[in-house]
Amino acid sequence: MLTLSALAAFGCSAGGGGQIPDAHPVDAYEVGLDLPPGCPPEAGNEKGVGKPCTPGGNECPNNGTLQCTCDPFLGIKLVGVPCFCTLVSVNSNPDAGDLCAALGTSFCGSNAGCCSYLSIGTYCAPNICLPEGVCPPVSVGQP
């Protein structure tokens, strides 16, 4: 469960079909990220990656492919992350290798990079949030 919450550090449930009803339990996890100034950006790219969003605000629906980092995802809510839209992809075959490479450079759109978390899945982050093009290390713990 902690590995999924770390994957969700930039990708949590959208305001569309993926939203988890209040009747379902949600575990909260504190996320420690050291993000550079300017992260997140003021606007998203052509795919919406980086667009500011608010918890439960439904600003990232894009047919359910965009997720707001401040909304629950798979029963997990992250605390301490900036709120912006991201694309999340969960790897259905963890033995298949690097999912970002398989998805290709166009998956996240312009000015955004794909970050893999172990072999569990990926999330897209605006380049301004990726110092020197490197995905930030994520430490997760329950508050």
N, C-alpha and C. Protein backbone atom coordinates (compact mmCIF):
# COMPACT_ATOMS: atom_id res chain seq x y z
N MET A 1 0.82 -1.18 0.00
CA MET A 1 0.00 0.00 0.00
C MET A 1 0.87 1.25 0.00
N LEU A 2 1.98 1.25 0.72
CA LEU A 2 2.86 2.41 0.72
C LEU A 2 3.43 2.68 -0.66
N THR A 3 3.71 1.63 -1.44
CA THR A 3 4.25 1.86 -2.76
C THR A 3 3.23 2.52 -3.67
N LEU A 4 1.97 2.15 -3.56
CA LEU A 4 0.93 2.82 -4.35
C LEU A 4 0.77 4.26 -3.91
N SER A 5 0.92 4.53 -2.62
CA SER A 5 0.78 5.91 -2.16
C SER A 5 1.94 6.75 -2.66
N ALA A 6 3.11 6.17 -2.77
CA ALA A 6 4.24 6.92 -3.31
C ALA A 6 4.03 7.21 -4.79
N LEU A 7 3.51 6.24 -5.53
CA LEU A 7 3.18 6.47 -6.93
C LEU A 7 2.19 7.61 -7.03
N ALA A 8 1.26 7.65 -6.13
CA ALA A 8 0.22 8.66 -6.15
C ALA A 8 0.72 10.02 -5.68
N ALA A 9 1.98 10.15 -5.36
CA ALA A 9 2.50 11.43 -4.89
C ALA A 9 2.19 12.55 -5.86
N PHE A 10 2.15 12.27 -7.12
CA PHE A 10 1.74 13.26 -8.10
C PHE A 10 0.44 12.88 -8.77
N GLY A 11 -0.08 11.72 -8.51
CA GLY A 11 -1.30 11.32 -9.19
C GLY A 11 -2.32 10.75 -8.25
N CYS A 12 -3.39 11.50 -8.07
CA CYS A 12 -4.47 11.04 -7.22
C CYS A 12 -5.76 11.18 -7.98
N SER A 13 -6.83 10.74 -7.39
CA SER A 13 -8.09 10.60 -8.11
C SER A 13 -8.62 11.91 -8.67
N ALA A 14 -9.18 11.80 -9.86
CA ALA A 14 -9.77 12.95 -10.53
C ALA A 14 -11.16 13.23 -10.03
N GLY A 15 -11.67 14.36 -10.46
CA GLY A 15 -13.02 14.72 -10.11
C GLY A 15 -14.04 14.02 -10.99
N GLY A 16 -13.65 13.14 -11.86
CA GLY A 16 -14.58 12.46 -12.74
C GLY A 16 -14.96 11.11 -12.20
N GLY A 17 -14.99 10.12 -13.09
CA GLY A 17 -15.44 8.79 -12.72
C GLY A 17 -14.57 8.09 -11.71
N GLY A 18 -13.33 8.53 -11.51
CA GLY A 18 -12.44 7.86 -10.59
C GLY A 18 -12.56 8.32 -9.15
N GLN A 19 -13.46 9.24 -8.87
CA GLN A 19 -13.56 9.77 -7.52
C GLN A 19 -14.12 8.70 -6.58
N ILE A 20 -13.54 8.59 -5.42
CA ILE A 20 -13.93 7.59 -4.44
C ILE A 20 -15.02 8.17 -3.55
N PRO A 21 -16.17 7.50 -3.42
CA PRO A 21 -17.24 8.03 -2.58
C PRO A 21 -16.78 8.15 -1.12
N ASP A 22 -17.39 9.08 -0.38
CA ASP A 22 -17.05 9.31 1.01
C ASP A 22 -17.28 8.09 1.89
N ALA A 23 -18.16 7.17 1.46
CA ALA A 23 -18.48 5.99 2.26
C ALA A 23 -17.31 5.02 2.34
N HIS A 24 -16.33 5.15 1.46
CA HIS A 24 -15.18 4.25 1.46
C HIS A 24 -14.08 4.83 2.34
N PRO A 25 -13.42 3.99 3.11
CA PRO A 25 -12.33 4.50 3.95
C PRO A 25 -11.16 5.00 3.10
N VAL A 26 -10.54 6.06 3.57
CA VAL A 26 -9.39 6.63 2.88
C VAL A 26 -8.26 6.75 3.88
N ASP A 27 -7.11 6.18 3.55
CA ASP A 27 -5.92 6.30 4.38
C ASP A 27 -5.15 7.55 3.96
N ALA A 28 -4.71 8.35 4.93
CA ALA A 28 -3.94 9.55 4.65
C ALA A 28 -2.46 9.26 4.88
N TYR A 29 -1.62 9.78 3.99
CA TYR A 29 -0.17 9.62 4.10
C TYR A 29 0.49 10.97 3.90
N GLU A 30 1.42 11.29 4.79
CA GLU A 30 2.22 12.51 4.67
C GLU A 30 3.32 12.23 3.65
N VAL A 31 3.48 13.14 2.69
CA VAL A 31 4.49 12.96 1.64
C VAL A 31 5.53 14.05 1.79
N GLY A 32 6.78 13.65 1.85
CA GLY A 32 7.88 14.60 1.91
C GLY A 32 8.48 14.80 0.54
N LEU A 33 8.30 15.98 -0.02
CA LEU A 33 8.86 16.31 -1.33
C LEU A 33 9.65 17.60 -1.21
N ASP A 34 10.79 17.64 -1.83
CA ASP A 34 11.60 18.85 -1.88
C ASP A 34 11.49 19.40 -3.30
N LEU A 35 10.49 20.27 -3.52
CA LEU A 35 10.20 20.76 -4.86
C LEU A 35 10.84 22.12 -5.09
N PRO A 36 11.31 22.37 -6.31
CA PRO A 36 11.96 23.64 -6.61
C PRO A 36 10.97 24.80 -6.69
N PRO A 37 11.46 26.05 -6.57
CA PRO A 37 10.59 27.22 -6.72
C PRO A 37 9.89 27.19 -8.08
N GLY A 38 8.64 27.62 -8.13
CA GLY A 38 7.89 27.62 -9.39
C GLY A 38 7.11 26.34 -9.62
N CYS A 39 7.26 25.38 -8.72
CA CYS A 39 6.54 24.12 -8.83
C CYS A 39 5.39 24.13 -7.85
N PRO A 40 4.21 23.92 -8.30
CA PRO A 40 3.77 23.64 -9.67
C PRO A 40 3.66 24.92 -10.50
N PRO A 41 3.58 24.78 -11.80
CA PRO A 41 3.46 25.96 -12.67
C PRO A 41 2.08 26.60 -12.54
N GLU A 42 1.93 27.78 -13.14
CA GLU A 42 0.64 28.48 -13.08
C GLU A 42 -0.40 27.88 -14.01
N ALA A 43 0.02 27.12 -15.02
CA ALA A 43 -0.91 26.54 -15.98
C ALA A 43 -0.40 25.17 -16.41
N GLY A 44 -1.29 24.37 -16.93
CA GLY A 44 -0.92 23.05 -17.43
C GLY A 44 -0.51 23.08 -18.89
N ASN A 45 0.04 21.97 -19.37
CA ASN A 45 0.40 21.86 -20.78
C ASN A 45 -0.83 21.47 -21.61
N GLU A 46 -0.62 21.11 -22.87
CA GLU A 46 -1.74 20.79 -23.75
C GLU A 46 -2.53 19.57 -23.30
N LYS A 47 -1.95 18.73 -22.45
CA LYS A 47 -2.65 17.57 -21.91
C LYS A 47 -3.22 17.84 -20.52
N GLY A 48 -2.94 19.03 -19.99
CA GLY A 48 -3.44 19.41 -18.67
C GLY A 48 -2.48 19.12 -17.54
N VAL A 49 -1.34 18.51 -17.81
CA VAL A 49 -0.36 18.19 -16.76
C VAL A 49 0.18 19.50 -16.19
N GLY A 50 0.05 19.66 -14.87
CA GLY A 50 0.53 20.85 -14.18
C GLY A 50 -0.56 21.88 -13.91
N LYS A 51 -1.75 21.70 -14.47
CA LYS A 51 -2.85 22.64 -14.24
C LYS A 51 -3.20 22.65 -12.75
N PRO A 52 -3.30 23.83 -12.14
CA PRO A 52 -3.68 23.88 -10.73
C PRO A 52 -5.08 23.29 -10.52
N CYS A 53 -5.27 22.65 -9.37
CA CYS A 53 -6.56 22.07 -9.03
C CYS A 53 -6.77 22.21 -7.52
N THR A 54 -7.99 21.98 -7.09
CA THR A 54 -8.32 22.04 -5.67
C THR A 54 -8.91 20.71 -5.24
N PRO A 55 -8.76 20.34 -3.97
CA PRO A 55 -9.34 19.07 -3.51
C PRO A 55 -10.83 19.00 -3.78
N GLY A 56 -11.25 17.97 -4.50
CA GLY A 56 -12.66 17.78 -4.82
C GLY A 56 -13.22 18.77 -5.82
N GLY A 57 -12.38 19.56 -6.46
CA GLY A 57 -12.83 20.62 -7.36
C GLY A 57 -13.17 20.20 -8.77
N ASN A 58 -12.88 18.96 -9.13
CA ASN A 58 -13.20 18.42 -10.46
C ASN A 58 -12.57 19.21 -11.61
N GLU A 59 -11.39 19.77 -11.40
CA GLU A 59 -10.73 20.52 -12.46
C GLU A 59 -9.92 19.64 -13.42
N CYS A 60 -9.77 18.38 -13.13
CA CYS A 60 -8.90 17.51 -13.91
C CYS A 60 -9.62 16.31 -14.55
N PRO A 61 -10.86 16.43 -14.99
CA PRO A 61 -11.54 15.21 -15.45
C PRO A 61 -10.99 14.60 -16.73
N ASN A 62 -10.86 15.36 -17.82
CA ASN A 62 -10.31 14.86 -19.08
C ASN A 62 -10.68 13.39 -19.31
N ASN A 63 -11.96 13.08 -19.18
CA ASN A 63 -12.47 11.71 -19.35
C ASN A 63 -11.86 10.74 -18.35
N GLY A 64 -11.47 11.25 -17.19
CA GLY A 64 -10.94 10.38 -16.15
C GLY A 64 -9.47 10.07 -16.26
N THR A 65 -8.76 10.63 -17.24
CA THR A 65 -7.34 10.32 -17.38
C THR A 65 -6.47 11.23 -16.53
N LEU A 66 -6.90 12.45 -16.29
CA LEU A 66 -6.15 13.36 -15.43
C LEU A 66 -6.60 13.18 -13.99
N GLN A 67 -5.67 13.31 -13.09
CA GLN A 67 -5.93 13.15 -11.66
C GLN A 67 -5.40 14.38 -10.93
N CYS A 68 -6.11 14.84 -9.91
CA CYS A 68 -5.63 15.93 -9.06
C CYS A 68 -4.81 15.31 -7.94
N THR A 69 -3.63 15.83 -7.72
CA THR A 69 -2.74 15.26 -6.70
C THR A 69 -3.30 15.38 -5.29
N CYS A 70 -4.33 16.21 -5.09
CA CYS A 70 -4.88 16.42 -3.74
C CYS A 70 -6.17 15.64 -3.49
N ASP A 71 -6.58 14.81 -4.43
CA ASP A 71 -7.77 13.99 -4.25
C ASP A 71 -7.37 12.54 -3.96
N PRO A 72 -8.23 11.79 -3.28
CA PRO A 72 -7.92 10.37 -3.01
C PRO A 72 -7.78 9.56 -4.30
N PHE A 73 -6.92 8.56 -4.26
CA PHE A 73 -6.69 7.64 -5.38
C PHE A 73 -6.49 6.26 -4.79
N LEU A 74 -7.28 5.30 -5.22
CA LEU A 74 -7.19 3.92 -4.73
C LEU A 74 -7.27 3.86 -3.20
N GLY A 75 -8.10 4.72 -2.61
CA GLY A 75 -8.28 4.72 -1.16
C GLY A 75 -7.17 5.41 -0.40
N ILE A 76 -6.33 6.17 -1.09
CA ILE A 76 -5.18 6.84 -0.47
C ILE A 76 -5.30 8.34 -0.71
N LYS A 77 -5.13 9.13 0.35
CA LYS A 77 -5.07 10.59 0.22
C LYS A 77 -3.72 11.05 0.72
N LEU A 78 -3.06 11.83 -0.10
CA LEU A 78 -1.74 12.34 0.26
C LEU A 78 -1.85 13.73 0.87
N VAL A 79 -1.02 14.00 1.85
CA VAL A 79 -0.98 15.27 2.54
C VAL A 79 0.40 15.87 2.29
N GLY A 80 0.46 17.16 1.99
CA GLY A 80 1.75 17.82 1.81
C GLY A 80 2.23 17.85 0.38
N VAL A 81 1.35 17.64 -0.58
CA VAL A 81 1.73 17.73 -1.98
C VAL A 81 1.04 18.94 -2.60
N PRO A 82 1.68 19.58 -3.59
CA PRO A 82 0.99 20.68 -4.27
C PRO A 82 -0.15 20.12 -5.11
N CYS A 83 -1.21 20.90 -5.26
CA CYS A 83 -2.38 20.44 -6.01
C CYS A 83 -2.26 20.83 -7.48
N PHE A 84 -2.03 19.85 -8.34
CA PHE A 84 -2.04 20.06 -9.78
C PHE A 84 -2.45 18.77 -10.48
N CYS A 85 -2.87 18.92 -11.73
CA CYS A 85 -3.33 17.77 -12.50
C CYS A 85 -2.14 16.98 -13.04
N THR A 86 -2.30 15.68 -13.05
CA THR A 86 -1.27 14.79 -13.56
C THR A 86 -1.93 13.62 -14.28
N LEU A 87 -1.14 12.91 -15.04
CA LEU A 87 -1.58 11.65 -15.65
C LEU A 87 -0.93 10.53 -14.86
N VAL A 88 -1.71 9.53 -14.50
CA VAL A 88 -1.21 8.38 -13.75
C VAL A 88 -1.48 7.13 -14.56
N SER A 89 -0.51 6.25 -14.59
CA SER A 89 -0.68 4.97 -15.26
C SER A 89 -0.20 3.88 -14.31
N VAL A 90 -1.08 2.95 -14.00
CA VAL A 90 -0.71 1.83 -13.14
C VAL A 90 -0.28 0.69 -14.04
N ASN A 91 0.86 0.11 -13.73
CA ASN A 91 1.43 -0.95 -14.56
C ASN A 91 0.74 -2.27 -14.27
N SER A 92 0.07 -2.82 -15.27
CA SER A 92 -0.63 -4.10 -15.09
C SER A 92 0.32 -5.29 -15.16
N ASN A 93 1.54 -5.07 -15.65
CA ASN A 93 2.54 -6.13 -15.73
C ASN A 93 3.86 -5.61 -15.18
N PRO A 94 4.06 -5.65 -13.85
CA PRO A 94 5.27 -5.09 -13.24
C PRO A 94 6.58 -5.69 -13.74
N ASP A 95 6.52 -6.86 -14.35
CA ASP A 95 7.74 -7.48 -14.87
C ASP A 95 8.10 -7.01 -16.27
N ALA A 96 7.27 -6.13 -16.84
CA ALA A 96 7.46 -5.70 -18.22
C ALA A 96 8.57 -4.68 -18.39
N GLY A 97 9.07 -4.09 -17.30
CA GLY A 97 10.14 -3.11 -17.42
C GLY A 97 9.63 -1.69 -17.24
N ASP A 98 10.38 -0.73 -17.79
CA ASP A 98 10.13 0.69 -17.62
C ASP A 98 8.86 1.11 -18.36
N LEU A 99 7.82 1.42 -17.61
CA LEU A 99 6.55 1.82 -18.21
C LEU A 99 6.66 3.16 -18.91
N CYS A 100 7.46 4.08 -18.39
CA CYS A 100 7.63 5.38 -19.05
C CYS A 100 8.20 5.19 -20.46
N ALA A 101 9.18 4.32 -20.59
CA ALA A 101 9.75 4.05 -21.91
C ALA A 101 8.71 3.45 -22.84
N ALA A 102 7.89 2.57 -22.31
CA ALA A 102 6.85 1.94 -23.12
C ALA A 102 5.78 2.95 -23.55
N LEU A 103 5.46 3.91 -22.68
CA LEU A 103 4.44 4.90 -22.99
C LEU A 103 4.93 5.93 -24.01
N GLY A 104 6.23 6.16 -24.06
CA GLY A 104 6.80 7.10 -25.02
C GLY A 104 6.83 8.52 -24.49
N THR A 105 7.60 9.36 -25.15
CA THR A 105 7.83 10.73 -24.69
C THR A 105 6.60 11.61 -24.84
N SER A 106 5.66 11.25 -25.69
CA SER A 106 4.48 12.09 -25.89
C SER A 106 3.39 11.85 -24.84
N PHE A 107 3.53 10.83 -24.01
CA PHE A 107 2.50 10.49 -23.03
C PHE A 107 2.16 11.67 -22.12
N CYS A 108 3.17 12.35 -21.59
CA CYS A 108 2.95 13.45 -20.64
C CYS A 108 2.73 14.79 -21.31
N GLY A 109 3.03 14.91 -22.58
CA GLY A 109 2.90 16.18 -23.28
C GLY A 109 4.14 17.05 -23.12
N SER A 110 4.03 18.27 -23.65
CA SER A 110 5.19 19.17 -23.63
C SER A 110 5.45 19.70 -22.22
N ASN A 111 6.71 20.01 -21.98
CA ASN A 111 7.16 20.58 -20.70
C ASN A 111 6.78 19.73 -19.50
N ALA A 112 6.73 18.42 -19.68
CA ALA A 112 6.43 17.50 -18.58
C ALA A 112 7.22 16.21 -18.79
N GLY A 113 7.53 15.55 -17.70
CA GLY A 113 8.28 14.30 -17.77
C GLY A 113 7.52 13.17 -17.09
N CYS A 114 7.88 11.97 -17.49
CA CYS A 114 7.27 10.77 -16.94
C CYS A 114 8.18 10.22 -15.84
N CYS A 115 7.59 9.93 -14.70
CA CYS A 115 8.33 9.38 -13.58
C CYS A 115 7.79 8.00 -13.25
N SER A 116 8.68 7.04 -13.19
CA SER A 116 8.28 5.69 -12.79
C SER A 116 8.45 5.55 -11.29
N TYR A 117 7.59 4.78 -10.67
CA TYR A 117 7.79 4.43 -9.28
C TYR A 117 7.92 2.92 -9.21
N LEU A 118 9.14 2.47 -8.91
CA LEU A 118 9.46 1.04 -8.95
C LEU A 118 8.89 0.49 -10.24
N SER A 119 8.21 -0.61 -10.21
CA SER A 119 7.59 -1.12 -11.43
C SER A 119 6.08 -1.08 -11.32
N ILE A 120 5.59 -0.27 -10.37
CA ILE A 120 4.15 -0.22 -10.10
C ILE A 120 3.41 0.66 -11.08
N GLY A 121 3.99 1.77 -11.48
CA GLY A 121 3.31 2.66 -12.40
C GLY A 121 4.08 3.94 -12.62
N THR A 122 3.40 4.91 -13.20
CA THR A 122 4.03 6.18 -13.55
C THR A 122 3.10 7.34 -13.22
N TYR A 123 3.69 8.52 -13.17
CA TYR A 123 2.94 9.76 -13.10
C TYR A 123 3.69 10.80 -13.90
N CYS A 124 2.98 11.81 -14.36
CA CYS A 124 3.59 12.89 -15.12
C CYS A 124 3.75 14.11 -14.22
N ALA A 125 4.87 14.76 -14.34
CA ALA A 125 5.14 15.96 -13.55
C ALA A 125 5.65 17.06 -14.48
N PRO A 126 5.25 18.30 -14.23
CA PRO A 126 5.78 19.41 -15.03
C PRO A 126 7.30 19.46 -14.89
N ASN A 127 7.97 19.83 -15.98
CA ASN A 127 9.44 19.89 -15.95
C ASN A 127 9.97 20.79 -14.84
N ILE A 128 9.23 21.88 -14.52
CA ILE A 128 9.67 22.78 -13.46
C ILE A 128 9.75 22.05 -12.12
N CYS A 129 9.05 20.95 -11.99
CA CYS A 129 9.05 20.17 -10.75
C CYS A 129 10.09 19.04 -10.79
N LEU A 130 10.82 18.95 -11.89
CA LEU A 130 11.83 17.91 -12.06
C LEU A 130 13.20 18.55 -12.21
N PRO A 131 13.84 18.90 -11.08
CA PRO A 131 15.15 19.56 -11.17
C PRO A 131 16.14 18.69 -11.94
N GLU A 132 16.76 19.31 -12.94
CA GLU A 132 17.73 18.63 -13.81
C GLU A 132 17.12 17.41 -14.48
N GLY A 133 15.79 17.43 -14.68
CA GLY A 133 15.11 16.33 -15.36
C GLY A 133 14.99 15.05 -14.57
N VAL A 134 15.22 15.15 -13.26
CA VAL A 134 15.20 13.97 -12.41
C VAL A 134 13.92 13.96 -11.56
N CYS A 135 13.26 12.83 -11.54
CA CYS A 135 12.05 12.71 -10.73
C CYS A 135 12.44 12.81 -9.25
N PRO A 136 11.62 13.54 -8.46
CA PRO A 136 11.97 13.73 -7.06
C PRO A 136 11.86 12.45 -6.26
N PRO A 137 12.77 12.27 -5.32
CA PRO A 137 12.62 11.11 -4.42
C PRO A 137 11.42 11.37 -3.52
N VAL A 138 10.70 10.32 -3.21
CA VAL A 138 9.48 10.46 -2.42
C VAL A 138 9.63 9.64 -1.15
N SER A 139 9.36 10.29 -0.01
CA SER A 139 9.29 9.55 1.23
C SER A 139 7.87 9.67 1.75
N VAL A 140 7.30 8.57 2.17
CA VAL A 140 5.90 8.54 2.56
C VAL A 140 5.77 7.94 3.95
N GLY A 141 4.90 8.53 4.77
CA GLY A 141 4.60 7.99 6.08
C GLY A 141 3.23 8.45 6.52
N GLN A 142 2.63 7.74 7.45
CA GLN A 142 1.32 8.15 7.94
C GLN A 142 1.49 9.28 8.94
N PRO A 143 0.61 10.33 8.81
CA PRO A 143 0.73 11.49 9.72
C PRO A 143 0.32 11.13 11.13
